[in-house]
Amino acid sequence: MVHEISGNNVIQSPGTLQEGSVEKNNYWSPYLSGAGIGLVLLAAFYIMGKGLGASSAFSIVSAVTVHQVNPEYAGRLKYFSSYLSVDSPFRDWIVFELCGLLAGAFTGALASRNFRLRLDKGHSMGNATRLFTAFTGGILIGFASRLARGCTSGVALTGGSQLALAGWIFVISMFISGFLFAAIFRRMWS
């Protein structure tokens, strides 16, 4: 019995492997990737004196953009005031970190010869539904990351590496909610 997942990966029941039926993906080893992330985190602490993070880059860019368009309004927003100490978003290293993250991901996908533009979705899900859920999920996780004062990189990786209680609570909660929502939305992907 063969089950197709996301149009690219095929999971087969034991004893049903047919030659040529499984597409080989050139994914990097998760162990080497994890060690690499750990070394990058260590280098960030050593060189920049700060850990990794990404979500504050969006806050910086938003604050500076709003300030350029309407300085009075941006000055009245308490949330933006802490990000308005820089006159350009490119004066904060976290923005360069995010640009490097995108460039590194693109380079890694090209190097592994695994780069394709595709829309991964279940068979019962339409393109519009998939785009809506991806966009809505992105907005929700972006809002939640700023509400939690950090994203997965900032709270989980950096906080967890410093043995911060908030980092460990975040990781445990992330996995529990991930398993829960995966079970709830599984039907949409099968």
C-alpha atoms as a PDB file:
ATOM      1  CA  MET A   1       0.000   0.000   0.000  1.00  0.00           C
ATOM      2  CA  VAL A   2       1.465   3.337  -1.053  1.00  0.00           C
ATOM      3  CA  HIS A   3       0.488   6.698   0.475  1.00  0.00           C
ATOM      4  CA  GLU A   4       1.569   9.884  -1.268  1.00  0.00           C
ATOM      5  CA  ILE A   5       2.378  12.892   0.889  1.00  0.00           C
ATOM      6  CA  SER A   6       2.793  16.449  -0.465  1.00  0.00           C
ATOM      7  CA  GLY A   7       3.272  15.287  -4.026  1.00  0.00           C
ATOM      8  CA  ASN A   8       6.981  14.598  -3.515  1.00  0.00           C
ATOM      9  CA  ASN A   9       7.548  12.213  -0.642  1.00  0.00           C
ATOM     10  CA  VAL A  10       6.097   8.726  -0.683  1.00  0.00           C
ATOM     11  CA  ILE A  11       5.640   6.651   2.445  1.00  0.00           C
ATOM     12  CA  GLN A  12       5.099   2.965   1.915  1.00  0.00           C
ATOM     13  CA  SER A  13       4.009   0.189   4.194  1.00  0.00           C
ATOM     14  CA  PRO A  14       6.705  -2.385   5.030  1.00  0.00           C
ATOM     15  CA  GLY A  15       7.334  -4.896   2.270  1.00  0.00           C
ATOM     16  CA  THR A  16       5.793  -2.765  -0.493  1.00  0.00           C
ATOM     17  CA  LEU A  17       8.883  -0.894  -1.677  1.00  0.00           C
ATOM     18  CA  GLN A  18       8.834  -0.695  -5.439  1.00  0.00           C
ATOM     19  CA  GLU A  19      11.961   0.339  -7.255  1.00  0.00           C
ATOM     20  CA  GLY A  20      11.786   3.883  -8.516  1.00  0.00           C
ATOM     21  CA  SER A  21       8.644   4.683  -6.538  1.00  0.00           C
ATOM     22  CA  VAL A  22      10.354   6.755  -3.851  1.00  0.00           C
ATOM     23  CA  GLU A  23      11.805  10.083  -4.928  1.00  0.00           C
ATOM     24  CA  LYS A  24      15.213  10.670  -3.376  1.00  0.00           C
ATOM     25  CA  ASN A  25      15.493  13.961  -1.549  1.00  0.00           C
ATOM     26  CA  ASN A  26      18.911  15.360  -0.832  1.00  0.00           C
ATOM     27  CA  TYR A  27      18.108  16.662   2.632  1.00  0.00           C
ATOM     28  CA  TRP A  28      20.950  17.528   4.958  1.00  0.00           C
ATOM     29  CA  SER A  29      21.539  15.343   7.965  1.00  0.00           C
ATOM     30  CA  PRO A  30      19.501  16.674  10.895  1.00  0.00           C
ATOM     31  CA  TYR A  31      22.401  15.847  13.221  1.00  0.00           C
ATOM     32  CA  LEU A  32      24.922  17.864  11.202  1.00  0.00           C
ATOM     33  CA  SER A  33      22.392  20.669  10.764  1.00  0.00           C
ATOM     34  CA  GLY A  34      21.705  20.744  14.518  1.00  0.00           C
ATOM     35  CA  ALA A  35      25.438  20.843  15.267  1.00  0.00           C
ATOM     36  CA  GLY A  36      25.800  23.656  12.729  1.00  0.00           C
ATOM     37  CA  ILE A  37      23.015  25.673  14.362  1.00  0.00           C
ATOM     38  CA  GLY A  38      24.697  25.155  17.734  1.00  0.00           C
ATOM     39  CA  LEU A  39      28.020  26.425  16.373  1.00  0.00           C
ATOM     40  CA  VAL A  40      26.322  29.443  14.792  1.00  0.00           C
ATOM     41  CA  LEU A  41      24.622  30.193  18.126  1.00  0.00           C
ATOM     42  CA  LEU A  42      27.962  29.935  19.917  1.00  0.00           C
ATOM     43  CA  ALA A  43      29.566  32.237  17.341  1.00  0.00           C
ATOM     44  CA  ALA A  44      26.711  34.756  17.745  1.00  0.00           C
ATOM     45  CA  PHE A  45      27.258  34.825  21.503  1.00  0.00           C
ATOM     46  CA  TYR A  46      31.005  35.210  21.071  1.00  0.00           C
ATOM     47  CA  ILE A  47      31.040  37.783  18.250  1.00  0.00           C
ATOM     48  CA  MET A  48      27.851  39.792  18.847  1.00  0.00           C
ATOM     49  CA  GLY A  49      27.333  39.189  22.558  1.00  0.00           C
ATOM     50  CA  LYS A  50      23.755  38.106  21.789  1.00  0.00           C
ATOM     51  CA  GLY A  51      22.029  34.921  20.766  1.00  0.00           C
ATOM     52  CA  LEU A  52      20.014  34.236  17.635  1.00  0.00           C
ATOM     53  CA  GLY A  53      16.573  35.609  16.863  1.00  0.00           C
ATOM     54  CA  ALA A  54      14.531  36.702  13.875  1.00  0.00           C
ATOM     55  CA  SER A  55      11.160  38.166  14.810  1.00  0.00           C
ATOM     56  CA  SER A  56      12.546  41.468  16.086  1.00  0.00           C
ATOM     57  CA  ALA A  57      13.851  42.197  12.572  1.00  0.00           C
ATOM     58  CA  PHE A  58      10.247  42.541  11.392  1.00  0.00           C
ATOM     59  CA  SER A  59       9.478  44.877  14.302  1.00  0.00           C
ATOM     60  CA  ILE A  60      12.523  47.024  13.491  1.00  0.00           C
ATOM     61  CA  VAL A  61      11.643  47.278   9.806  1.00  0.00           C
ATOM     62  CA  SER A  62       7.991  48.049  10.629  1.00  0.00           C
ATOM     63  CA  ALA A  63       8.868  50.696  13.235  1.00  0.00           C
ATOM     64  CA  VAL A  64      11.377  52.471  11.012  1.00  0.00           C
ATOM     65  CA  THR A  65       9.004  52.348   8.016  1.00  0.00           C
ATOM     66  CA  VAL A  66       6.079  53.767  10.015  1.00  0.00           C
ATOM     67  CA  HIS A  67       8.407  56.426  11.452  1.00  0.00           C
ATOM     68  CA  GLN A  68       9.490  57.440   7.939  1.00  0.00           C
ATOM     69  CA  VAL A  69       5.868  57.765   6.811  1.00  0.00           C
ATOM     70  CA  ASN A  70       4.389  59.352   9.962  1.00  0.00           C
ATOM     71  CA  PRO A  71       6.918  60.210  12.713  1.00  0.00           C
ATOM     72  CA  GLU A  72       4.264  61.577  15.115  1.00  0.00           C
ATOM     73  CA  TYR A  73       2.194  58.421  14.969  1.00  0.00           C
ATOM     74  CA  ALA A  74       5.221  56.128  15.353  1.00  0.00           C
ATOM     75  CA  GLY A  75       6.430  58.186  18.317  1.00  0.00           C
ATOM     76  CA  ARG A  76       3.104  57.715  20.114  1.00  0.00           C
ATOM     77  CA  LEU A  77       3.201  53.937  19.799  1.00  0.00           C
ATOM     78  CA  LYS A  78       4.794  52.531  22.901  1.00  0.00           C
ATOM     79  CA  TYR A  79       5.702  49.262  21.168  1.00  0.00           C
ATOM     80  CA  PHE A  80       7.625  50.996  18.377  1.00  0.00           C
ATOM     81  CA  SER A  81       9.496  53.388  20.673  1.00  0.00           C
ATOM     82  CA  SER A  82      12.102  50.787  21.652  1.00  0.00           C
ATOM     83  CA  TYR A  83      12.853  50.107  17.981  1.00  0.00           C
ATOM     84  CA  LEU A  84      13.148  53.740  16.895  1.00  0.00           C
ATOM     85  CA  SER A  85      16.667  54.208  18.237  1.00  0.00           C
ATOM     86  CA  VAL A  86      17.959  53.215  14.794  1.00  0.00           C
ATOM     87  CA  ASP A  87      17.297  55.498  11.841  1.00  0.00           C
ATOM     88  CA  SER A  88      17.692  52.667   9.327  1.00  0.00           C
ATOM     89  CA  PRO A  89      16.719  49.022   9.717  1.00  0.00           C
ATOM     90  CA  PHE A  90      20.139  48.082   8.348  1.00  0.00           C
ATOM     91  CA  ARG A  91      21.854  49.488  11.431  1.00  0.00           C
ATOM     92  CA  ASP A  92      20.752  46.541  13.534  1.00  0.00           C
ATOM     93  CA  TRP A  93      22.594  43.251  13.149  1.00  0.00           C
ATOM     94  CA  ILE A  94      19.412  41.161  13.513  1.00  0.00           C
ATOM     95  CA  VAL A  95      18.184  42.407  10.110  1.00  0.00           C
ATOM     96  CA  PHE A  96      21.427  41.205   8.535  1.00  0.00           C
ATOM     97  CA  GLU A  97      21.041  37.916  10.382  1.00  0.00           C
ATOM     98  CA  LEU A  98      17.617  37.443   8.799  1.00  0.00           C
ATOM     99  CA  CYS A  99      18.968  38.334   5.337  1.00  0.00           C
ATOM    100  CA  GLY A 100      21.805  35.834   5.902  1.00  0.00           C
ATOM    101  CA  LEU A 101      19.303  33.209   7.000  1.00  0.00           C
ATOM    102  CA  LEU A 102      17.337  33.593   3.761  1.00  0.00           C
ATOM    103  CA  ALA A 103      20.489  33.596   1.628  1.00  0.00           C
ATOM    104  CA  GLY A 104      21.871  30.552   3.482  1.00  0.00           C
ATOM    105  CA  ALA A 105      18.624  28.599   3.123  1.00  0.00           C
ATOM    106  CA  PHE A 106      18.481  29.361  -0.591  1.00  0.00           C
ATOM    107  CA  THR A 107      22.153  28.422  -1.049  1.00  0.00           C
ATOM    108  CA  GLY A 108      21.670  25.183   0.920  1.00  0.00           C
ATOM    109  CA  ALA A 109      18.637  24.216  -1.173  1.00  0.00           C
ATOM    110  CA  LEU A 110      20.543  24.905  -4.391  1.00  0.00           C
ATOM    111  CA  ALA A 111      23.631  23.015  -3.175  1.00  0.00           C
ATOM    112  CA  SER A 112      21.563  19.951  -2.310  1.00  0.00           C
ATOM    113  CA  ARG A 113      19.851  20.140  -5.718  1.00  0.00           C
ATOM    114  CA  ASN A 114      16.533  20.021  -3.907  1.00  0.00           C
ATOM    115  CA  PHE A 115      15.171  23.454  -4.815  1.00  0.00           C
ATOM    116  CA  ARG A 116      11.799  23.596  -6.567  1.00  0.00           C
ATOM    117  CA  LEU A 117       8.938  26.007  -6.391  1.00  0.00           C
ATOM    118  CA  ARG A 118       6.015  23.959  -5.126  1.00  0.00           C
ATOM    119  CA  LEU A 119       2.891  24.215  -3.052  1.00  0.00           C
ATOM    120  CA  ASP A 120       2.851  21.346  -0.563  1.00  0.00           C
ATOM    121  CA  LYS A 121      -0.668  20.359   0.420  1.00  0.00           C
ATOM    122  CA  GLY A 122      -2.848  17.357   1.026  1.00  0.00           C
ATOM    123  CA  HIS A 123      -4.959  15.838  -1.726  1.00  0.00           C
ATOM    124  CA  SER A 124      -8.205  17.056  -0.182  1.00  0.00           C
ATOM    125  CA  MET A 125      -6.960  20.629   0.214  1.00  0.00           C
ATOM    126  CA  GLY A 126      -7.349  23.189  -2.536  1.00  0.00           C
ATOM    127  CA  ASN A 127      -4.697  25.750  -3.466  1.00  0.00           C
ATOM    128  CA  ALA A 128      -6.727  28.659  -2.067  1.00  0.00           C
ATOM    129  CA  THR A 129      -7.251  26.851   1.246  1.00  0.00           C
ATOM    130  CA  ARG A 130      -3.545  26.030   1.500  1.00  0.00           C
ATOM    131  CA  LEU A 131      -2.504  29.616   0.779  1.00  0.00           C
ATOM    132  CA  PHE A 132      -5.081  30.938   3.269  1.00  0.00           C
ATOM    133  CA  THR A 133      -3.945  28.583   6.037  1.00  0.00           C
ATOM    134  CA  ALA A 134      -0.270  29.334   5.378  1.00  0.00           C
ATOM    135  CA  PHE A 135      -0.850  33.098   5.399  1.00  0.00           C
ATOM    136  CA  THR A 136      -3.082  32.964   8.488  1.00  0.00           C
ATOM    137  CA  GLY A 137      -0.638  30.703  10.313  1.00  0.00           C
ATOM    138  CA  GLY A 138       2.229  33.038   9.432  1.00  0.00           C
ATOM    139  CA  ILE A 139       0.362  36.061  10.804  1.00  0.00           C
ATOM    140  CA  LEU A 140      -0.576  34.199  13.999  1.00  0.00           C
ATOM    141  CA  ILE A 141       2.933  32.914  14.660  1.00  0.00           C
ATOM    142  CA  GLY A 142       4.414  36.346  13.920  1.00  0.00           C
ATOM    143  CA  PHE A 143       2.046  37.982  16.401  1.00  0.00           C
ATOM    144  CA  ALA A 144       2.636  35.249  18.978  1.00  0.00           C
ATOM    145  CA  SER A 145       6.406  35.525  18.649  1.00  0.00           C
ATOM    146  CA  ARG A 146       6.314  39.223  19.450  1.00  0.00           C
ATOM    147  CA  LEU A 147       3.825  38.632  22.264  1.00  0.00           C
ATOM    148  CA  ALA A 148       6.231  36.032  23.719  1.00  0.00           C
ATOM    149  CA  ARG A 149       9.107  38.509  23.182  1.00  0.00           C
ATOM    150  CA  GLY A 150      10.860  36.158  20.810  1.00  0.00           C
ATOM    151  CA  CYS A 151      10.500  33.510  18.161  1.00  0.00           C
ATOM    152  CA  THR A 152      11.661  29.922  18.072  1.00  0.00           C
ATOM    153  CA  SER A 153      15.238  31.074  17.546  1.00  0.00           C
ATOM    154  CA  GLY A 154      15.180  33.751  20.212  1.00  0.00           C
ATOM    155  CA  VAL A 155      13.230  32.033  22.963  1.00  0.00           C
ATOM    156  CA  ALA A 156      13.819  28.330  22.303  1.00  0.00           C
ATOM    157  CA  LEU A 157      17.379  28.208  20.936  1.00  0.00           C
ATOM    158  CA  THR A 158      18.927  31.176  22.693  1.00  0.00           C
ATOM    159  CA  GLY A 159      16.848  30.927  25.872  1.00  0.00           C
ATOM    160  CA  GLY A 160      17.147  27.162  26.024  1.00  0.00           C
ATOM    161  CA  SER A 161      20.922  27.301  25.565  1.00  0.00           C
ATOM    162  CA  GLN A 162      21.094  29.664  28.540  1.00  0.00           C
ATOM    163  CA  LEU A 163      18.883  27.284  30.561  1.00  0.00           C
ATOM    164  CA  ALA A 164      16.202  29.960  30.862  1.00  0.00           C
ATOM    165  CA  LEU A 165      12.944  28.594  32.240  1.00  0.00           C
ATOM    166  CA  ALA A 166      10.961  30.556  29.623  1.00  0.00           C
ATOM    167  CA  GLY A 167      12.931  28.851  26.831  1.00  0.00           C
ATOM    168  CA  TRP A 168      12.184  25.371  28.124  1.00  0.00           C
ATOM    169  CA  ILE A 169       8.507  26.146  28.751  1.00  0.00           C
ATOM    170  CA  PHE A 170       8.329  27.506  25.197  1.00  0.00           C
ATOM    171  CA  VAL A 171       9.897  24.364  23.687  1.00  0.00           C
ATOM    172  CA  ILE A 172       7.669  22.006  25.658  1.00  0.00           C
ATOM    173  CA  SER A 173       4.562  24.035  24.770  1.00  0.00           C
ATOM    174  CA  MET A 174       5.612  24.205  21.115  1.00  0.00           C
ATOM    175  CA  PHE A 175       5.935  20.424  20.856  1.00  0.00           C
ATOM    176  CA  ILE A 176       2.680  19.733  22.714  1.00  0.00           C
ATOM    177  CA  SER A 177       0.728  22.181  20.561  1.00  0.00           C
ATOM    178  CA  GLY A 178       2.462  20.878  17.428  1.00  0.00           C
ATOM    179  CA  PHE A 179       1.410  17.303  18.148  1.00  0.00           C
ATOM    180  CA  LEU A 180      -2.104  18.437  19.087  1.00  0.00           C
ATOM    181  CA  PHE A 181      -2.711  20.525  15.976  1.00  0.00           C
ATOM    182  CA  ALA A 182      -1.042  17.947  13.729  1.00  0.00           C
ATOM    183  CA  ALA A 183      -3.591  15.424  14.953  1.00  0.00           C
ATOM    184  CA  ILE A 184      -6.455  17.877  14.448  1.00  0.00           C
ATOM    185  CA  PHE A 185      -5.439  18.938  10.927  1.00  0.00           C
ATOM    186  CA  ARG A 186      -4.174  15.562   9.755  1.00  0.00           C
ATOM    187  CA  ARG A 187      -7.317  14.907   7.694  1.00  0.00           C
ATOM    188  CA  MET A 188      -6.636  17.960   5.566  1.00  0.00           C
ATOM    189  CA  TRP A 189      -3.254  16.478   4.568  1.00  0.00           C
ATOM    190  CA  SER A 190      -4.347  12.912   3.839  1.00  0.00           C
END
